[in-house]
Amino acid sequence: MLGNIVKVVVDRPLGSYHPKYKDIYYPINYGYIEGIIAPDGEEQDAYILGVDVPVKEFVGKVIAIIHRDDDVEEKWVVAPENVSFTKDKIMEQVRFQEKYFKSEVRM
């Protein structure tokens, strides 16, 4: 999946709050990839980096996987095709949610 072009449907746009955990603020766009089922039985979740405005959908490249040692699912990191990030920069941007898990960036 790394390097693949995917379409992310955004259900938690930049600037929104988690529907169940009201203290989790989304400083980036977050959504899912239709038709790809993750190990949790839901569609594959994805963080979108490199897009600084709220969007409803986004087509971009999978640049990394956030692997969680203490959860069944992984998160995909999607960015515009011509944009790259270091592992540290990716973790910095997804820490708002990943701080609750033992996770690492895989590229």
N, C-alpha and C. Protein backbone atom coordinates (compact mmCIF):
# COMPACT_ATOMS: atom_id res chain seq x y z
N MET A 1 0.79 -1.19 0.00
CA MET A 1 0.00 0.00 0.00
C MET A 1 0.84 1.27 0.00
N LEU A 2 2.06 1.21 0.56
CA LEU A 2 2.93 2.39 0.49
C LEU A 2 3.15 2.77 -0.97
N GLY A 3 2.99 4.05 -1.26
CA GLY A 3 3.16 4.53 -2.62
C GLY A 3 1.89 4.51 -3.45
N ASN A 4 0.86 3.82 -2.98
CA ASN A 4 -0.40 3.76 -3.72
C ASN A 4 -1.14 5.09 -3.66
N ILE A 5 -1.89 5.38 -4.71
CA ILE A 5 -2.76 6.54 -4.74
C ILE A 5 -4.14 6.10 -4.25
N VAL A 6 -4.68 6.79 -3.27
CA VAL A 6 -5.97 6.43 -2.68
C VAL A 6 -6.87 7.66 -2.54
N LYS A 7 -8.16 7.41 -2.43
CA LYS A 7 -9.11 8.48 -2.15
C LYS A 7 -9.59 8.34 -0.71
N VAL A 8 -9.42 9.40 0.07
CA VAL A 8 -9.84 9.41 1.46
C VAL A 8 -11.14 10.21 1.57
N VAL A 9 -12.15 9.58 2.17
CA VAL A 9 -13.40 10.27 2.50
C VAL A 9 -13.21 10.84 3.90
N VAL A 10 -13.30 12.14 4.04
CA VAL A 10 -13.02 12.80 5.32
C VAL A 10 -14.29 12.88 6.17
N ASP A 11 -14.26 12.22 7.33
CA ASP A 11 -15.39 12.32 8.25
C ASP A 11 -15.05 13.14 9.49
N ARG A 12 -13.78 13.50 9.63
CA ARG A 12 -13.35 14.39 10.71
C ARG A 12 -12.41 15.42 10.11
N PRO A 13 -12.98 16.50 9.60
CA PRO A 13 -12.15 17.52 8.95
C PRO A 13 -11.30 18.30 9.94
N LEU A 14 -10.24 18.88 9.41
CA LEU A 14 -9.37 19.76 10.18
C LEU A 14 -10.25 20.77 10.94
N GLY A 15 -10.00 20.93 12.23
CA GLY A 15 -10.75 21.88 13.05
C GLY A 15 -11.95 21.29 13.77
N SER A 16 -12.21 20.00 13.56
CA SER A 16 -13.37 19.37 14.22
C SER A 16 -12.93 18.62 15.47
N TYR A 17 -13.92 18.09 16.19
CA TYR A 17 -13.67 17.30 17.39
C TYR A 17 -14.21 15.89 17.19
N HIS A 18 -13.61 14.94 17.90
CA HIS A 18 -14.04 13.55 17.83
C HIS A 18 -15.51 13.47 18.26
N PRO A 19 -16.34 12.69 17.55
CA PRO A 19 -17.75 12.64 17.90
C PRO A 19 -18.03 12.02 19.27
N LYS A 20 -17.19 11.11 19.73
CA LYS A 20 -17.41 10.45 21.02
C LYS A 20 -16.54 11.05 22.13
N TYR A 21 -15.28 11.36 21.81
CA TYR A 21 -14.33 11.88 22.80
C TYR A 21 -14.12 13.36 22.51
N LYS A 22 -14.93 14.19 23.13
CA LYS A 22 -15.00 15.62 22.80
C LYS A 22 -13.71 16.39 23.07
N ASP A 23 -12.76 15.80 23.80
CA ASP A 23 -11.51 16.49 24.08
C ASP A 23 -10.46 16.25 22.98
N ILE A 24 -10.77 15.40 21.99
CA ILE A 24 -9.82 15.15 20.91
C ILE A 24 -10.15 16.07 19.74
N TYR A 25 -9.25 17.03 19.52
CA TYR A 25 -9.36 18.02 18.45
C TYR A 25 -8.54 17.55 17.26
N TYR A 26 -9.06 17.70 16.06
CA TYR A 26 -8.38 17.27 14.84
C TYR A 26 -7.66 18.44 14.18
N PRO A 27 -6.33 18.52 14.33
CA PRO A 27 -5.56 19.59 13.70
C PRO A 27 -5.23 19.28 12.24
N ILE A 28 -5.64 18.09 11.79
CA ILE A 28 -5.45 17.67 10.39
C ILE A 28 -6.75 16.99 9.94
N ASN A 29 -6.90 16.79 8.64
CA ASN A 29 -8.03 16.05 8.11
C ASN A 29 -7.83 14.56 8.36
N TYR A 30 -8.93 13.85 8.66
CA TYR A 30 -8.87 12.43 9.01
C TYR A 30 -10.10 11.76 8.42
N GLY A 31 -9.89 10.59 7.87
CA GLY A 31 -11.04 9.90 7.29
C GLY A 31 -10.74 8.44 7.04
N TYR A 32 -11.35 7.91 5.98
CA TYR A 32 -11.23 6.49 5.70
C TYR A 32 -11.20 6.25 4.19
N ILE A 33 -10.73 5.08 3.81
CA ILE A 33 -10.65 4.69 2.41
C ILE A 33 -11.74 3.67 2.15
N GLU A 34 -12.71 4.06 1.33
CA GLU A 34 -13.83 3.18 1.03
C GLU A 34 -13.37 1.89 0.38
N GLY A 35 -13.97 0.79 0.82
CA GLY A 35 -13.71 -0.49 0.18
C GLY A 35 -12.50 -1.25 0.68
N ILE A 36 -11.69 -0.63 1.53
CA ILE A 36 -10.55 -1.35 2.11
C ILE A 36 -10.86 -1.56 3.59
N ILE A 37 -11.01 -2.83 3.98
CA ILE A 37 -11.40 -3.15 5.34
C ILE A 37 -10.16 -3.41 6.19
N ALA A 38 -10.07 -2.72 7.30
CA ALA A 38 -8.95 -2.84 8.24
C ALA A 38 -9.20 -4.01 9.20
N PRO A 39 -8.20 -4.41 9.97
CA PRO A 39 -8.36 -5.52 10.91
C PRO A 39 -9.46 -5.32 11.96
N ASP A 40 -9.87 -4.07 12.20
CA ASP A 40 -10.94 -3.84 13.17
C ASP A 40 -12.33 -4.04 12.56
N GLY A 41 -12.39 -4.42 11.26
CA GLY A 41 -13.66 -4.65 10.60
C GLY A 41 -14.29 -3.41 9.99
N GLU A 42 -13.67 -2.28 10.18
CA GLU A 42 -14.14 -1.01 9.62
C GLU A 42 -13.26 -0.65 8.42
N GLU A 43 -13.69 0.37 7.67
CA GLU A 43 -12.87 0.80 6.55
C GLU A 43 -11.57 1.44 7.06
N GLN A 44 -10.52 1.32 6.26
CA GLN A 44 -9.17 1.75 6.63
C GLN A 44 -9.12 3.24 6.94
N ASP A 45 -8.65 3.59 8.14
CA ASP A 45 -8.51 4.98 8.55
C ASP A 45 -7.26 5.60 7.95
N ALA A 46 -7.32 6.91 7.73
CA ALA A 46 -6.17 7.61 7.15
C ALA A 46 -6.06 9.03 7.69
N TYR A 47 -4.84 9.41 8.01
CA TYR A 47 -4.49 10.79 8.32
C TYR A 47 -4.09 11.45 7.00
N ILE A 48 -4.50 12.70 6.81
CA ILE A 48 -4.09 13.45 5.62
C ILE A 48 -3.15 14.56 6.06
N LEU A 49 -1.94 14.54 5.55
CA LEU A 49 -0.96 15.58 5.85
C LEU A 49 -0.72 16.43 4.60
N GLY A 50 -0.32 17.68 4.82
CA GLY A 50 0.01 18.55 3.69
C GLY A 50 -1.18 19.27 3.09
N VAL A 51 -2.32 19.19 3.74
CA VAL A 51 -3.53 19.90 3.31
C VAL A 51 -3.99 20.75 4.48
N ASP A 52 -3.90 22.06 4.35
CA ASP A 52 -4.11 22.95 5.49
C ASP A 52 -5.49 23.59 5.58
N VAL A 53 -6.45 23.04 4.85
CA VAL A 53 -7.84 23.50 4.92
C VAL A 53 -8.74 22.28 5.09
N PRO A 54 -9.91 22.44 5.71
CA PRO A 54 -10.83 21.30 5.81
C PRO A 54 -11.29 20.86 4.42
N VAL A 55 -11.33 19.54 4.20
CA VAL A 55 -11.80 18.98 2.93
C VAL A 55 -12.79 17.86 3.19
N LYS A 56 -13.58 17.53 2.17
CA LYS A 56 -14.55 16.43 2.28
C LYS A 56 -13.98 15.14 1.72
N GLU A 57 -13.10 15.28 0.72
CA GLU A 57 -12.43 14.14 0.10
C GLU A 57 -11.03 14.59 -0.29
N PHE A 58 -10.16 13.59 -0.43
CA PHE A 58 -8.80 13.91 -0.85
C PHE A 58 -8.19 12.71 -1.55
N VAL A 59 -7.55 12.95 -2.68
CA VAL A 59 -6.83 11.91 -3.39
C VAL A 59 -5.33 12.21 -3.23
N GLY A 60 -4.60 11.23 -2.70
CA GLY A 60 -3.18 11.42 -2.48
C GLY A 60 -2.45 10.10 -2.39
N LYS A 61 -1.18 10.18 -2.03
CA LYS A 61 -0.30 9.01 -1.98
C LYS A 61 -0.10 8.56 -0.53
N VAL A 62 -0.13 7.25 -0.32
CA VAL A 62 0.16 6.68 1.01
C VAL A 62 1.67 6.79 1.21
N ILE A 63 2.09 7.64 2.17
CA ILE A 63 3.52 7.86 2.39
C ILE A 63 4.06 7.15 3.62
N ALA A 64 3.16 6.67 4.49
CA ALA A 64 3.60 5.99 5.71
C ALA A 64 2.44 5.22 6.31
N ILE A 65 2.80 4.31 7.21
CA ILE A 65 1.82 3.56 7.99
C ILE A 65 2.13 3.82 9.46
N ILE A 66 1.11 4.14 10.23
CA ILE A 66 1.27 4.26 11.68
C ILE A 66 0.91 2.89 12.25
N HIS A 67 1.92 2.18 12.73
CA HIS A 67 1.72 0.85 13.32
C HIS A 67 1.53 1.00 14.82
N ARG A 68 0.48 0.39 15.32
CA ARG A 68 0.20 0.42 16.76
C ARG A 68 0.48 -0.96 17.36
N ASP A 69 1.38 -1.00 18.34
CA ASP A 69 1.69 -2.26 19.01
C ASP A 69 0.55 -2.71 19.92
N ASP A 70 -0.26 -1.77 20.38
CA ASP A 70 -1.31 -2.07 21.35
C ASP A 70 -2.72 -1.89 20.80
N ASP A 71 -2.89 -2.09 19.49
CA ASP A 71 -4.19 -1.97 18.86
C ASP A 71 -4.21 -2.88 17.64
N VAL A 72 -5.40 -3.28 17.18
CA VAL A 72 -5.49 -4.19 16.04
C VAL A 72 -5.35 -3.47 14.71
N GLU A 73 -5.54 -2.17 14.70
CA GLU A 73 -5.50 -1.47 13.43
C GLU A 73 -4.28 -0.59 13.26
N GLU A 74 -4.00 -0.30 12.00
CA GLU A 74 -2.95 0.65 11.65
C GLU A 74 -3.63 1.83 10.96
N LYS A 75 -2.98 2.96 10.96
CA LYS A 75 -3.48 4.14 10.26
C LYS A 75 -2.58 4.41 9.08
N TRP A 76 -3.15 4.78 7.95
CA TRP A 76 -2.37 5.15 6.79
C TRP A 76 -2.18 6.65 6.80
N VAL A 77 -1.04 7.10 6.32
CA VAL A 77 -0.75 8.53 6.21
C VAL A 77 -0.73 8.86 4.72
N VAL A 78 -1.61 9.80 4.33
CA VAL A 78 -1.77 10.16 2.93
C VAL A 78 -1.40 11.63 2.76
N ALA A 79 -0.70 11.93 1.68
CA ALA A 79 -0.25 13.30 1.41
C ALA A 79 -0.32 13.57 -0.09
N PRO A 80 -0.27 14.85 -0.48
CA PRO A 80 -0.18 15.15 -1.91
C PRO A 80 1.03 14.43 -2.51
N GLU A 81 0.93 14.05 -3.77
CA GLU A 81 1.98 13.25 -4.41
C GLU A 81 3.36 13.87 -4.36
N ASN A 82 3.47 15.18 -4.40
CA ASN A 82 4.78 15.84 -4.47
C ASN A 82 5.27 16.33 -3.10
N VAL A 83 4.64 15.86 -2.02
CA VAL A 83 5.00 16.32 -0.68
C VAL A 83 5.54 15.15 0.13
N SER A 84 6.62 15.39 0.88
CA SER A 84 7.16 14.34 1.74
C SER A 84 7.37 14.88 3.15
N PHE A 85 7.41 13.97 4.09
CA PHE A 85 7.60 14.30 5.50
C PHE A 85 8.57 13.29 6.11
N THR A 86 9.30 13.71 7.11
CA THR A 86 10.14 12.79 7.86
C THR A 86 9.27 12.01 8.85
N LYS A 87 9.80 10.92 9.37
CA LYS A 87 9.08 10.16 10.39
C LYS A 87 8.73 11.05 11.58
N ASP A 88 9.69 11.87 12.01
CA ASP A 88 9.46 12.75 13.16
C ASP A 88 8.35 13.76 12.88
N LYS A 89 8.34 14.33 11.70
CA LYS A 89 7.32 15.32 11.34
C LYS A 89 5.94 14.66 11.27
N ILE A 90 5.88 13.44 10.74
CA ILE A 90 4.61 12.71 10.70
C ILE A 90 4.10 12.48 12.11
N MET A 91 4.96 11.96 12.99
CA MET A 91 4.52 11.67 14.35
C MET A 91 4.10 12.94 15.08
N GLU A 92 4.80 14.02 14.84
CA GLU A 92 4.44 15.30 15.45
C GLU A 92 3.00 15.70 15.06
N GLN A 93 2.63 15.47 13.81
CA GLN A 93 1.31 15.89 13.35
C GLN A 93 0.18 14.94 13.75
N VAL A 94 0.49 13.68 14.04
CA VAL A 94 -0.56 12.73 14.42
C VAL A 94 -0.56 12.43 15.92
N ARG A 95 0.34 13.07 16.64
CA ARG A 95 0.45 12.81 18.08
C ARG A 95 -0.85 13.10 18.85
N PHE A 96 -1.66 14.04 18.36
CA PHE A 96 -2.91 14.38 19.03
C PHE A 96 -3.76 13.13 19.30
N GLN A 97 -3.64 12.13 18.45
CA GLN A 97 -4.39 10.88 18.64
C GLN A 97 -3.48 9.71 19.01
N GLU A 98 -2.30 9.67 18.44
CA GLU A 98 -1.38 8.55 18.68
C GLU A 98 -0.79 8.56 20.08
N LYS A 99 -0.91 9.66 20.81
CA LYS A 99 -0.37 9.70 22.18
C LYS A 99 -1.07 8.70 23.09
N TYR A 100 -2.22 8.21 22.67
CA TYR A 100 -2.97 7.23 23.46
C TYR A 100 -2.53 5.79 23.17
N PHE A 101 -1.61 5.60 22.24
CA PHE A 101 -1.19 4.27 21.80
C PHE A 101 0.33 4.18 21.77
N LYS A 102 0.83 2.94 21.75
CA LYS A 102 2.25 2.72 21.52
C LYS A 102 2.39 2.52 20.01
N SER A 103 2.80 3.59 19.33
CA SER A 103 2.81 3.53 17.87
C SER A 103 4.13 4.00 17.30
N GLU A 104 4.37 3.61 16.04
CA GLU A 104 5.57 4.02 15.33
C GLU A 104 5.22 4.27 13.87
N VAL A 105 6.01 5.12 13.23
CA VAL A 105 5.83 5.45 11.81
C VAL A 105 6.68 4.47 11.01
N ARG A 106 6.04 3.83 10.04
CA ARG A 106 6.76 2.95 9.12
C ARG A 106 6.65 3.51 7.72
N MET A 107 7.83 3.59 7.06
CA MET A 107 7.86 4.16 5.72
C MET A 107 8.50 3.20 4.73
